[in-house]
Amino acid sequence: MSFLRSTLLPVAIVLLFGLALFAVSARIWLPGDMAAPAPLG
């Protein structure tokens, strides 16, 4: 159990953080009007 707590848990936390960071930064590369600012007129 200590192996899981000392090795797998930090790896899982880092992977989840990386996945969340990728999901947030993927909005930059969206094509079309989803990433564009709202039209003024």
PDB file of N, CA and C in Angstrom:
ATOM      1  N   MET A   1       0.830  -1.211   0.000  1.00  0.00           N
ATOM      2  CA  MET A   1       0.000   0.000   0.000  1.00  0.00           C
ATOM      3  C   MET A   1       0.860   1.256   0.000  1.00  0.00           C
ATOM      4  N   SER A   2       2.016   1.183   0.660  1.00  0.00           N
ATOM      5  CA  SER A   2       2.886   2.363   0.674  1.00  0.00           C
ATOM      6  C   SER A   2       3.474   2.621  -0.708  1.00  0.00           C
ATOM      7  N   PHE A   3       3.631   1.553  -1.507  1.00  0.00           N
ATOM      8  CA  PHE A   3       4.110   1.757  -2.889  1.00  0.00           C
ATOM      9  C   PHE A   3       3.087   2.537  -3.698  1.00  0.00           C
ATOM     10  N   LEU A   4       1.822   2.206  -3.517  1.00  0.00           N
ATOM     11  CA  LEU A   4       0.779   2.938  -4.230  1.00  0.00           C
ATOM     12  C   LEU A   4       0.755   4.406  -3.798  1.00  0.00           C
ATOM     13  N   ARG A   5       0.888   4.609  -2.484  1.00  0.00           N
ATOM     14  CA  ARG A   5       0.776   5.971  -1.971  1.00  0.00           C
ATOM     15  C   ARG A   5       1.990   6.819  -2.341  1.00  0.00           C
ATOM     16  N   SER A   6       3.165   6.207  -2.473  1.00  0.00           N
ATOM     17  CA  SER A   6       4.376   6.991  -2.713  1.00  0.00           C
ATOM     18  C   SER A   6       4.725   7.097  -4.192  1.00  0.00           C
ATOM     19  N   THR A   7       4.175   6.219  -5.034  1.00  0.00           N
ATOM     20  CA  THR A   7       4.573   6.211  -6.442  1.00  0.00           C
ATOM     21  C   THR A   7       3.401   6.478  -7.374  1.00  0.00           C
ATOM     22  N   LEU A   8       2.340   5.695  -7.257  1.00  0.00           N
ATOM     23  CA  LEU A   8       1.253   5.815  -8.217  1.00  0.00           C
ATOM     24  C   LEU A   8       0.398   7.048  -7.983  1.00  0.00           C
ATOM     25  N   LEU A   9       0.216   7.432  -6.746  1.00  0.00           N
ATOM     26  CA  LEU A   9      -0.641   8.585  -6.468  1.00  0.00           C
ATOM     27  C   LEU A   9      -0.046   9.896  -6.996  1.00  0.00           C
ATOM     28  N   PRO A  10       1.241  10.207  -6.781  1.00  0.00           N
ATOM     29  CA  PRO A  10       1.794  11.420  -7.385  1.00  0.00           C
ATOM     30  C   PRO A  10       1.784  11.381  -8.915  1.00  0.00           C
ATOM     31  N   VAL A  11       2.024  10.216  -9.495  1.00  0.00           N
ATOM     32  CA  VAL A  11       1.987  10.106 -10.962  1.00  0.00           C
ATOM     33  C   VAL A  11       0.578  10.368 -11.476  1.00  0.00           C
ATOM     34  N   ALA A  12      -0.417   9.833 -10.788  1.00  0.00           N
ATOM     35  CA  ALA A  12      -1.799  10.054 -11.204  1.00  0.00           C
ATOM     36  C   ALA A  12      -2.179  11.524 -11.063  1.00  0.00           C
ATOM     37  N   ILE A  13      -1.713  12.178 -10.017  1.00  0.00           N
ATOM     38  CA  ILE A  13      -2.022  13.594  -9.818  1.00  0.00           C
ATOM     39  C   ILE A  13      -1.377  14.433 -10.913  1.00  0.00           C
ATOM     40  N   VAL A  14      -0.129  14.122 -11.257  1.00  0.00           N
ATOM     41  CA  VAL A  14       0.560  14.875 -12.309  1.00  0.00           C
ATOM     42  C   VAL A  14      -0.114  14.645 -13.650  1.00  0.00           C
ATOM     43  N   LEU A  15      -0.555  13.420 -13.930  1.00  0.00           N
ATOM     44  CA  LEU A  15      -1.232  13.139 -15.197  1.00  0.00           C
ATOM     45  C   LEU A  15      -2.568  13.866 -15.268  1.00  0.00           C
ATOM     46  N   LEU A  16      -3.303  13.900 -14.173  1.00  0.00           N
ATOM     47  CA  LEU A  16      -4.574  14.617 -14.177  1.00  0.00           C
ATOM     48  C   LEU A  16      -4.363  16.113 -14.359  1.00  0.00           C
ATOM     49  N   PHE A  17      -3.313  16.655 -13.722  1.00  0.00           N
ATOM     50  CA  PHE A  17      -3.012  18.071 -13.891  1.00  0.00           C
ATOM     51  C   PHE A  17      -2.626  18.374 -15.338  1.00  0.00           C
ATOM     52  N   GLY A  18      -1.827  17.496 -15.936  1.00  0.00           N
ATOM     53  CA  GLY A  18      -1.447  17.697 -17.333  1.00  0.00           C
ATOM     54  C   GLY A  18      -2.635  17.602 -18.270  1.00  0.00           C
ATOM     55  N   LEU A  19      -3.553  16.694 -17.992  1.00  0.00           N
ATOM     56  CA  LEU A  19      -4.744  16.578 -18.829  1.00  0.00           C
ATOM     57  C   LEU A  19      -5.613  17.822 -18.720  1.00  0.00           C
ATOM     58  N   ALA A  20      -5.762  18.359 -17.511  1.00  0.00           N
ATOM     59  CA  ALA A  20      -6.548  19.579 -17.330  1.00  0.00           C
ATOM     60  C   ALA A  20      -5.869  20.764 -18.015  1.00  0.00           C
ATOM     61  N   LEU A  21      -4.556  20.834 -17.914  1.00  0.00           N
ATOM     62  CA  LEU A  21      -3.830  21.922 -18.567  1.00  0.00           C
ATOM     63  C   LEU A  21      -3.965  21.829 -20.078  1.00  0.00           C
ATOM     64  N   PHE A  22      -3.915  20.601 -20.610  1.00  0.00           N
ATOM     65  CA  PHE A  22      -4.086  20.420 -22.054  1.00  0.00           C
ATOM     66  C   PHE A  22      -5.489  20.798 -22.489  1.00  0.00           C
ATOM     67  N   ALA A  23      -6.502  20.449 -21.692  1.00  0.00           N
ATOM     68  CA  ALA A  23      -7.878  20.774 -22.050  1.00  0.00           C
ATOM     69  C   ALA A  23      -8.100  22.281 -22.053  1.00  0.00           C
ATOM     70  N   VAL A  24      -7.447  22.993 -21.126  1.00  0.00           N
ATOM     71  CA  VAL A  24      -7.608  24.448 -21.086  1.00  0.00           C
ATOM     72  C   VAL A  24      -6.845  25.106 -22.227  1.00  0.00           C
ATOM     73  N   SER A  25      -5.617  24.646 -22.492  1.00  0.00           N
ATOM     74  CA  SER A  25      -4.813  25.293 -23.530  1.00  0.00           C
ATOM     75  C   SER A  25      -5.227  24.869 -24.928  1.00  0.00           C
ATOM     76  N   ALA A  26      -6.042  23.828 -25.066  1.00  0.00           N
ATOM     77  CA  ALA A  26      -6.486  23.406 -26.392  1.00  0.00           C
ATOM     78  C   ALA A  26      -7.463  24.409 -26.996  1.00  0.00           C
ATOM     79  N   ARG A  27      -8.035  25.275 -26.169  1.00  0.00           N
ATOM     80  CA  ARG A  27      -8.962  26.279 -26.705  1.00  0.00           C
ATOM     81  C   ARG A  27      -8.247  27.288 -27.592  1.00  0.00           C
ATOM     82  N   ILE A  28      -6.933  27.428 -27.431  1.00  0.00           N
ATOM     83  CA  ILE A  28      -6.191  28.366 -28.263  1.00  0.00           C
ATOM     84  C   ILE A  28      -6.192  27.899 -29.716  1.00  0.00           C
ATOM     85  N   TRP A  29      -6.124  26.576 -29.924  1.00  0.00           N
ATOM     86  CA  TRP A  29      -5.966  26.035 -31.276  1.00  0.00           C
ATOM     87  C   TRP A  29      -7.290  25.710 -31.937  1.00  0.00           C
ATOM     88  N   LEU A  30      -8.424  26.111 -31.321  1.00  0.00           N
ATOM     89  CA  LEU A  30      -9.709  25.821 -31.926  1.00  0.00           C
ATOM     90  C   LEU A  30      -9.888  26.665 -33.191  1.00  0.00           C
ATOM     91  N   PRO A  31     -10.305  26.039 -34.283  1.00  0.00           N
ATOM     92  CA  PRO A  31     -10.560  26.811 -35.501  1.00  0.00           C
ATOM     93  C   PRO A  31     -11.926  27.504 -35.447  1.00  0.00           C
ATOM     94  N   GLY A  32     -12.102  28.484 -36.298  1.00  0.00           N
ATOM     95  CA  GLY A  32     -13.410  29.097 -36.445  1.00  0.00           C
ATOM     96  C   GLY A  32     -13.707  30.188 -35.437  1.00  0.00           C
ATOM     97  N   ASP A  33     -14.990  30.365 -35.168  1.00  0.00           N
ATOM     98  CA  ASP A  33     -15.416  31.497 -34.366  1.00  0.00           C
ATOM     99  C   ASP A  33     -15.508  31.166 -32.881  1.00  0.00           C
ATOM    100  N   MET A  34     -15.130  29.957 -32.473  1.00  0.00           N
ATOM    101  CA  MET A  34     -15.208  29.650 -31.055  1.00  0.00           C
ATOM    102  C   MET A  34     -14.114  30.367 -30.279  1.00  0.00           C
ATOM    103  N   ALA A  35     -12.940  30.537 -30.920  1.00  0.00           N
ATOM    104  CA  ALA A  35     -11.845  31.200 -30.260  1.00  0.00           C
ATOM    105  C   ALA A  35     -11.760  32.677 -30.621  1.00  0.00           C
ATOM    106  N   ALA A  36     -12.602  33.115 -31.569  1.00  0.00           N
ATOM    107  CA  ALA A  36     -12.551  34.501 -32.012  1.00  0.00           C
ATOM    108  C   ALA A  36     -13.345  35.383 -31.038  1.00  0.00           C
ATOM    109  N   PRO A  37     -12.974  36.642 -30.954  1.00  0.00           N
ATOM    110  CA  PRO A  37     -13.763  37.558 -30.118  1.00  0.00           C
ATOM    111  C   PRO A  37     -15.122  37.831 -30.743  1.00  0.00           C
ATOM    112  N   ALA A  38     -16.014  38.344 -29.946  1.00  0.00           N
ATOM    113  CA  ALA A  38     -17.372  38.606 -30.437  1.00  0.00           C
ATOM    114  C   ALA A  38     -17.347  39.763 -31.450  1.00  0.00           C
ATOM    115  N   PRO A  39     -18.152  39.656 -32.486  1.00  0.00           N
ATOM    116  CA  PRO A  39     -18.209  40.755 -33.473  1.00  0.00           C
ATOM    117  C   PRO A  39     -18.848  42.004 -32.855  1.00  0.00           C
ATOM    118  N   LEU A  40     -18.353  43.135 -33.295  1.00  0.00           N
ATOM    119  CA  LEU A  40     -18.847  44.398 -32.731  1.00  0.00           C
ATOM    120  C   LEU A  40     -20.159  44.815 -33.372  1.00  0.00           C
ATOM    121  N   GLY A  41     -20.320  44.564 -34.656  1.00  0.00           N
ATOM    122  CA  GLY A  41     -21.527  44.989 -35.368  1.00  0.00           C
ATOM    123  C   GLY A  41     -22.438  43.859 -35.610  1.00  0.00           C
TER     124      GLY A  41
END
